[in-house]
C-alpha atoms as a PDB file:
ATOM      1  CA  MET A   1      70.843  31.372  31.676  1.00  0.00           C
ATOM      2  CA  LYS A   2      72.681  34.549  30.738  1.00  0.00           C
ATOM      3  CA  VAL A   3      73.663  37.140  33.348  1.00  0.00           C
ATOM      4  CA  ASN A   4      74.647  40.691  32.448  1.00  0.00           C
ATOM      5  CA  PHE A   5      76.900  42.358  35.042  1.00  0.00           C
ATOM      6  CA  ASN A   6      77.661  46.078  35.400  1.00  0.00           C
ATOM      7  CA  ILE A   7      80.169  47.529  37.864  1.00  0.00           C
ATOM      8  CA  PHE A   8      80.020  51.315  37.966  1.00  0.00           C
ATOM      9  CA  LYS A   9      83.709  51.765  38.831  1.00  0.00           C
ATOM     10  CA  ASN A  10      85.638  51.962  35.555  1.00  0.00           C
ATOM     11  CA  ASN A  11      82.343  51.293  33.712  1.00  0.00           C
ATOM     12  CA  THR A  12      82.975  47.533  33.640  1.00  0.00           C
ATOM     13  CA  SER A  13      80.389  45.269  31.998  1.00  0.00           C
ATOM     14  CA  TRP A  14      80.356  41.622  30.950  1.00  0.00           C
ATOM     15  CA  ASN A  15      78.057  38.664  30.343  1.00  0.00           C
ATOM     16  CA  ALA A  16      78.285  35.170  31.782  1.00  0.00           C
ATOM     17  CA  LEU A  17      76.422  31.930  31.259  1.00  0.00           C
ATOM     18  CA  ILE A  18      75.411  30.193  34.477  1.00  0.00           C
ATOM     19  CA  HIS A  19      73.518  26.972  35.107  1.00  0.00           C
ATOM     20  CA  GLN A  20      72.191  27.792  38.560  1.00  0.00           C
ATOM     21  CA  LEU A  21      71.182  31.151  40.013  1.00  0.00           C
ATOM     22  CA  ASN A  22      72.643  31.527  43.502  1.00  0.00           C
ATOM     23  CA  GLY A  23      74.735  34.034  45.397  1.00  0.00           C
ATOM     24  CA  ASP A  24      77.932  32.000  45.378  1.00  0.00           C
ATOM     25  CA  VAL A  25      77.938  31.701  41.595  1.00  0.00           C
ATOM     26  CA  LEU A  26      77.196  35.403  41.118  1.00  0.00           C
ATOM     27  CA  LEU A  27      79.849  36.473  43.638  1.00  0.00           C
ATOM     28  CA  ARG A  28      82.476  34.283  41.975  1.00  0.00           C
ATOM     29  CA  HIS A  29      81.881  36.028  38.641  1.00  0.00           C
ATOM     30  CA  ILE A  30      81.902  39.471  40.282  1.00  0.00           C
ATOM     31  CA  PHE A  31      85.173  38.802  42.129  1.00  0.00           C
ATOM     32  CA  MET A  32      86.855  37.358  39.015  1.00  0.00           C
ATOM     33  CA  LYS A  33      85.971  40.130  36.553  1.00  0.00           C
ATOM     34  CA  GLY A  34      84.552  43.050  38.537  1.00  0.00           C
ATOM     35  CA  ASN A  35      87.810  44.618  39.747  1.00  0.00           C
ATOM     36  CA  ILE A  36      86.137  45.618  43.009  1.00  0.00           C
ATOM     37  CA  ASP A  37      87.997  46.966  46.039  1.00  0.00           C
ATOM     38  CA  SER A  38      86.414  44.792  48.712  1.00  0.00           C
ATOM     39  CA  ARG A  39      85.086  41.272  49.019  1.00  0.00           C
ATOM     40  CA  ASP A  40      82.520  42.474  51.553  1.00  0.00           C
ATOM     41  CA  ILE A  41      79.556  42.933  49.218  1.00  0.00           C
ATOM     42  CA  GLU A  42      75.902  41.970  49.276  1.00  0.00           C
ATOM     43  CA  LEU A  43      73.507  41.070  46.498  1.00  0.00           C
ATOM     44  CA  SER A  44      69.792  41.696  46.244  1.00  0.00           C
ATOM     45  CA  TYR A  45      67.576  40.264  43.521  1.00  0.00           C
ATOM     46  CA  CYS A  46      63.989  40.788  42.366  1.00  0.00           C
ATOM     47  CA  ASP A  47      62.279  37.777  40.732  1.00  0.00           C
ATOM     48  CA  GLU A  48      59.663  39.982  39.060  1.00  0.00           C
ATOM     49  CA  THR A  49      62.114  42.220  37.197  1.00  0.00           C
ATOM     50  CA  CYS A  50      64.970  39.668  36.885  1.00  0.00           C
ATOM     51  CA  GLN A  51      67.349  42.403  38.112  1.00  0.00           C
ATOM     52  CA  GLY A  52      69.678  42.666  41.060  1.00  0.00           C
ATOM     53  CA  LYS A  53      71.893  45.134  42.896  1.00  0.00           C
ATOM     54  CA  ILE A  54      75.495  44.864  44.055  1.00  0.00           C
ATOM     55  CA  ILE A  55      76.024  46.764  47.303  1.00  0.00           C
ATOM     56  CA  ASN A  56      79.280  47.372  49.195  1.00  0.00           C
ATOM     57  CA  SER A  57      79.869  47.252  52.958  1.00  0.00           C
ATOM     58  CA  GLU A  58      79.007  50.978  53.240  1.00  0.00           C
ATOM     59  CA  ASN A  59      75.550  50.260  51.772  1.00  0.00           C
ATOM     60  CA  GLN A  60      76.449  51.987  48.489  1.00  0.00           C
ATOM     61  CA  LEU A  61      75.260  50.706  45.135  1.00  0.00           C
ATOM     62  CA  ILE A  62      78.403  49.736  43.194  1.00  0.00           C
ATOM     63  CA  GLY A  63      76.801  47.786  40.355  1.00  0.00           C
ATOM     64  CA  ASN A  64      73.907  45.741  39.117  1.00  0.00           C
ATOM     65  CA  PHE A  65      73.102  42.577  37.232  1.00  0.00           C
ATOM     66  CA  SER A  66      70.220  41.213  35.220  1.00  0.00           C
ATOM     67  CA  ILE A  67      69.145  37.738  34.203  1.00  0.00           C
ATOM     68  CA  SER A  68      67.747  36.951  30.784  1.00  0.00           C
ATOM     69  CA  CYS A  69      64.374  35.539  31.850  1.00  0.00           C
END
């Protein structure tokens, strides 16, 4: 499946192909290409919309991602 990532800082966007949808896989891609300041982030995901949020330790939305369903 294809995942589209968007990090608001520096307007960074990229796509990745993944074989399994789980937090560890998503975080690995975010840490490798997202150029984020902290590794203390959380993910939320909605099965109905196939979209998720990337939230930092201060509960601020720093990016999002979507899955091609």
